[in-house]
């Protein structure tokens, strides 16, 4: 319940006294609550996109993301000190999980700069593009 409270609190601070109940996914995909949060990742993944992994890879913590894995992309946070990206994703548009990537040659730089080789956008979200 702490997570729900935090979502309500941030929304009430940003929008006056109006209290809304948003799922973790809806909050992360719609609320600009920090400076290092973006609703697009390298002009390829956009908030709300339904995505499929098309090339297996390991994230920063060694978790394997296999071909065929599907998720909704919510947003990305960038941590400049570590060149780290935290992709907020959801399998059910309610709960959030993460993919951690580091933009360094010895880690996941290859993935960060070649998103089209690793991810296929099955359905575009709220940001339409050509």
C-alpha atoms as a PDB file:
ATOM      1  CA  UNK A   1       0.000   0.000   0.000  1.00  0.00           C
ATOM      2  CA  UNK A   2       2.940   2.378   0.411  1.00  0.00           C
ATOM      3  CA  UNK A   3       3.387   2.509  -3.361  1.00  0.00           C
ATOM      4  CA  UNK A   4      -0.270   3.449  -3.872  1.00  0.00           C
ATOM      5  CA  UNK A   5       0.042   6.161  -1.240  1.00  0.00           C
ATOM      6  CA  UNK A   6       3.150   7.581  -2.907  1.00  0.00           C
ATOM      7  CA  UNK A   7       1.343   7.738  -6.245  1.00  0.00           C
ATOM      8  CA  UNK A   8      -1.629   9.525  -4.672  1.00  0.00           C
ATOM      9  CA  UNK A   9       0.616  11.953  -2.798  1.00  0.00           C
ATOM     10  CA  UNK A  10       2.641  13.021  -5.854  1.00  0.00           C
ATOM     11  CA  UNK A  11      -0.488  13.516  -7.923  1.00  0.00           C
ATOM     12  CA  UNK A  12      -2.181  15.551  -5.210  1.00  0.00           C
ATOM     13  CA  UNK A  13       0.904  17.779  -4.895  1.00  0.00           C
ATOM     14  CA  UNK A  14       1.082  18.325  -8.656  1.00  0.00           C
ATOM     15  CA  UNK A  15      -2.628  18.783  -9.317  1.00  0.00           C
ATOM     16  CA  UNK A  16      -3.937  20.413  -6.166  1.00  0.00           C
ATOM     17  CA  UNK A  17      -6.142  18.399  -3.857  1.00  0.00           C
ATOM     18  CA  UNK A  18      -7.546  16.089  -6.528  1.00  0.00           C
ATOM     19  CA  UNK A  19      -6.824  12.495  -5.519  1.00  0.00           C
ATOM     20  CA  UNK A  20      -6.564   9.891  -8.249  1.00  0.00           C
ATOM     21  CA  UNK A  21      -5.805   6.195  -8.153  1.00  0.00           C
ATOM     22  CA  UNK A  22      -3.344   5.256 -10.860  1.00  0.00           C
ATOM     23  CA  UNK A  23      -1.704   1.903 -11.343  1.00  0.00           C
ATOM     24  CA  UNK A  24       2.083   1.902 -11.167  1.00  0.00           C
ATOM     25  CA  UNK A  25       2.176   1.584 -14.954  1.00  0.00           C
ATOM     26  CA  UNK A  26      -0.235   4.490 -15.552  1.00  0.00           C
ATOM     27  CA  UNK A  27       1.702   6.675 -13.139  1.00  0.00           C
ATOM     28  CA  UNK A  28       5.088   5.926 -14.712  1.00  0.00           C
ATOM     29  CA  UNK A  29       3.775   6.324 -18.255  1.00  0.00           C
ATOM     30  CA  UNK A  30       1.985   9.653 -17.680  1.00  0.00           C
ATOM     31  CA  UNK A  31       3.475  11.631 -14.750  1.00  0.00           C
ATOM     32  CA  UNK A  32       6.603  13.751 -15.162  1.00  0.00           C
ATOM     33  CA  UNK A  33       7.807  13.482 -11.578  1.00  0.00           C
ATOM     34  CA  UNK A  34      11.605  13.801 -11.997  1.00  0.00           C
ATOM     35  CA  UNK A  35      14.008  15.613 -14.312  1.00  0.00           C
ATOM     36  CA  UNK A  36      15.790  12.454 -15.437  1.00  0.00           C
ATOM     37  CA  UNK A  37      12.582  10.726 -16.566  1.00  0.00           C
ATOM     38  CA  UNK A  38      11.752  10.504 -20.272  1.00  0.00           C
ATOM     39  CA  UNK A  39       8.773   9.027 -22.094  1.00  0.00           C
ATOM     40  CA  UNK A  40      10.933   7.908 -25.010  1.00  0.00           C
ATOM     41  CA  UNK A  41      14.157   5.959 -25.282  1.00  0.00           C
ATOM     42  CA  UNK A  42      16.545   6.969 -28.056  1.00  0.00           C
ATOM     43  CA  UNK A  43      13.685   8.032 -30.343  1.00  0.00           C
ATOM     44  CA  UNK A  44      12.637   4.408 -30.786  1.00  0.00           C
ATOM     45  CA  UNK A  45      10.641   3.252 -27.747  1.00  0.00           C
ATOM     46  CA  UNK A  46       7.827   5.561 -26.641  1.00  0.00           C
ATOM     47  CA  UNK A  47       5.506   5.446 -23.656  1.00  0.00           C
ATOM     48  CA  UNK A  48       2.695   2.963 -24.228  1.00  0.00           C
ATOM     49  CA  UNK A  49       4.460   0.984 -26.973  1.00  0.00           C
ATOM     50  CA  UNK A  50       3.858  -2.757 -26.899  1.00  0.00           C
ATOM     51  CA  UNK A  51       7.280  -4.302 -27.491  1.00  0.00           C
ATOM     52  CA  UNK A  52       8.718  -7.728 -28.255  1.00  0.00           C
ATOM     53  CA  UNK A  53      12.308  -8.819 -27.642  1.00  0.00           C
ATOM     54  CA  UNK A  54      13.680 -10.088 -30.981  1.00  0.00           C
ATOM     55  CA  UNK A  55      17.285 -10.759 -29.934  1.00  0.00           C
ATOM     56  CA  UNK A  56      18.203 -12.321 -26.596  1.00  0.00           C
ATOM     57  CA  UNK A  57      20.297 -10.187 -24.242  1.00  0.00           C
ATOM     58  CA  UNK A  58      21.382  -9.879 -20.632  1.00  0.00           C
ATOM     59  CA  UNK A  59      20.708  -6.676 -18.742  1.00  0.00           C
ATOM     60  CA  UNK A  60      23.094  -4.984 -16.328  1.00  0.00           C
ATOM     61  CA  UNK A  61      22.248  -7.375 -13.487  1.00  0.00           C
ATOM     62  CA  UNK A  62      22.602 -10.466 -15.658  1.00  0.00           C
ATOM     63  CA  UNK A  63      18.905 -11.163 -16.162  1.00  0.00           C
ATOM     64  CA  UNK A  64      18.284 -12.761 -19.550  1.00  0.00           C
ATOM     65  CA  UNK A  65      15.556 -11.284 -21.733  1.00  0.00           C
ATOM     66  CA  UNK A  66      14.585 -13.956 -24.218  1.00  0.00           C
ATOM     67  CA  UNK A  67      13.251 -13.733 -27.742  1.00  0.00           C
ATOM     68  CA  UNK A  68       9.475 -13.521 -27.597  1.00  0.00           C
ATOM     69  CA  UNK A  69       9.291 -11.652 -24.279  1.00  0.00           C
ATOM     70  CA  UNK A  70       6.623  -8.945 -24.604  1.00  0.00           C
ATOM     71  CA  UNK A  71       5.925  -5.877 -22.510  1.00  0.00           C
ATOM     72  CA  UNK A  72       4.538  -2.354 -22.487  1.00  0.00           C
ATOM     73  CA  UNK A  73       7.135   0.398 -22.263  1.00  0.00           C
ATOM     74  CA  UNK A  74       6.270   3.114 -19.717  1.00  0.00           C
ATOM     75  CA  UNK A  75       9.341   5.349 -19.441  1.00  0.00           C
ATOM     76  CA  UNK A  76      13.084   5.457 -18.907  1.00  0.00           C
ATOM     77  CA  UNK A  77      15.181   7.035 -16.170  1.00  0.00           C
ATOM     78  CA  UNK A  78      18.783   8.039 -16.858  1.00  0.00           C
ATOM     79  CA  UNK A  79      21.431   8.007 -14.133  1.00  0.00           C
ATOM     80  CA  UNK A  80      24.317  10.065 -15.571  1.00  0.00           C
ATOM     81  CA  UNK A  81      26.916   9.116 -12.971  1.00  0.00           C
ATOM     82  CA  UNK A  82      26.685   5.441 -13.970  1.00  0.00           C
ATOM     83  CA  UNK A  83      25.591   5.946 -17.599  1.00  0.00           C
ATOM     84  CA  UNK A  84      22.649   3.834 -16.546  1.00  0.00           C
ATOM     85  CA  UNK A  85      19.213   3.493 -18.041  1.00  0.00           C
ATOM     86  CA  UNK A  86      16.305   2.019 -16.120  1.00  0.00           C
ATOM     87  CA  UNK A  87      13.493   1.027 -18.456  1.00  0.00           C
ATOM     88  CA  UNK A  88      10.156   0.803 -16.670  1.00  0.00           C
ATOM     89  CA  UNK A  89       8.068  -1.904 -18.316  1.00  0.00           C
ATOM     90  CA  UNK A  90       4.840  -3.759 -17.597  1.00  0.00           C
ATOM     91  CA  UNK A  91       3.454  -7.100 -18.725  1.00  0.00           C
ATOM     92  CA  UNK A  92      -0.113  -6.249 -17.640  1.00  0.00           C
ATOM     93  CA  UNK A  93      -0.356  -2.411 -17.740  1.00  0.00           C
ATOM     94  CA  UNK A  94      -0.695  -2.451 -13.946  1.00  0.00           C
ATOM     95  CA  UNK A  95       2.535  -3.572 -12.298  1.00  0.00           C
ATOM     96  CA  UNK A  96       6.004  -2.310 -13.111  1.00  0.00           C
ATOM     97  CA  UNK A  97       9.265  -4.175 -13.565  1.00  0.00           C
ATOM     98  CA  UNK A  98      12.615  -2.955 -14.848  1.00  0.00           C
ATOM     99  CA  UNK A  99      15.279  -3.562 -17.432  1.00  0.00           C
ATOM    100  CA  UNK A 100      18.643  -2.086 -16.446  1.00  0.00           C
ATOM    101  CA  UNK A 101      21.095  -1.099 -19.185  1.00  0.00           C
ATOM    102  CA  UNK A 102      24.444   0.638 -18.910  1.00  0.00           C
ATOM    103  CA  UNK A 103      25.739   2.755 -21.776  1.00  0.00           C
ATOM    104  CA  UNK A 104      29.347   1.550 -21.571  1.00  0.00           C
ATOM    105  CA  UNK A 105      31.301  -0.584 -24.023  1.00  0.00           C
ATOM    106  CA  UNK A 106      31.943  -3.334 -21.465  1.00  0.00           C
ATOM    107  CA  UNK A 107      28.249  -3.677 -20.595  1.00  0.00           C
ATOM    108  CA  UNK A 108      25.124  -2.909 -22.704  1.00  0.00           C
ATOM    109  CA  UNK A 109      26.239  -0.075 -25.006  1.00  0.00           C
ATOM    110  CA  UNK A 110      25.589  -2.354 -28.012  1.00  0.00           C
ATOM    111  CA  UNK A 111      21.938  -2.666 -26.963  1.00  0.00           C
ATOM    112  CA  UNK A 112      21.493   1.034 -26.158  1.00  0.00           C
ATOM    113  CA  UNK A 113      22.619   2.100 -29.632  1.00  0.00           C
ATOM    114  CA  UNK A 114      20.964  -0.702 -31.622  1.00  0.00           C
ATOM    115  CA  UNK A 115      17.461  -0.896 -30.178  1.00  0.00           C
ATOM    116  CA  UNK A 116      15.927  -2.014 -33.491  1.00  0.00           C
ATOM    117  CA  UNK A 117      18.074  -5.159 -33.370  1.00  0.00           C
ATOM    118  CA  UNK A 118      16.793  -6.099 -29.906  1.00  0.00           C
ATOM    119  CA  UNK A 119      13.248  -4.737 -29.726  1.00  0.00           C
ATOM    120  CA  UNK A 120      10.341  -4.711 -32.151  1.00  0.00           C
ATOM    121  CA  UNK A 121       7.472  -2.294 -31.567  1.00  0.00           C
ATOM    122  CA  UNK A 122       4.380  -4.436 -32.124  1.00  0.00           C
ATOM    123  CA  UNK A 123       1.908  -1.649 -31.430  1.00  0.00           C
ATOM    124  CA  UNK A 124       2.579   2.044 -31.000  1.00  0.00           C
ATOM    125  CA  UNK A 125       1.409   3.685 -27.803  1.00  0.00           C
ATOM    126  CA  UNK A 126       0.135   7.199 -27.303  1.00  0.00           C
ATOM    127  CA  UNK A 127       3.012   8.814 -29.239  1.00  0.00           C
ATOM    128  CA  UNK A 128       2.325   8.206 -32.908  1.00  0.00           C
ATOM    129  CA  UNK A 129       5.154   8.395 -35.412  1.00  0.00           C
ATOM    130  CA  UNK A 130       5.741   7.470 -39.036  1.00  0.00           C
END
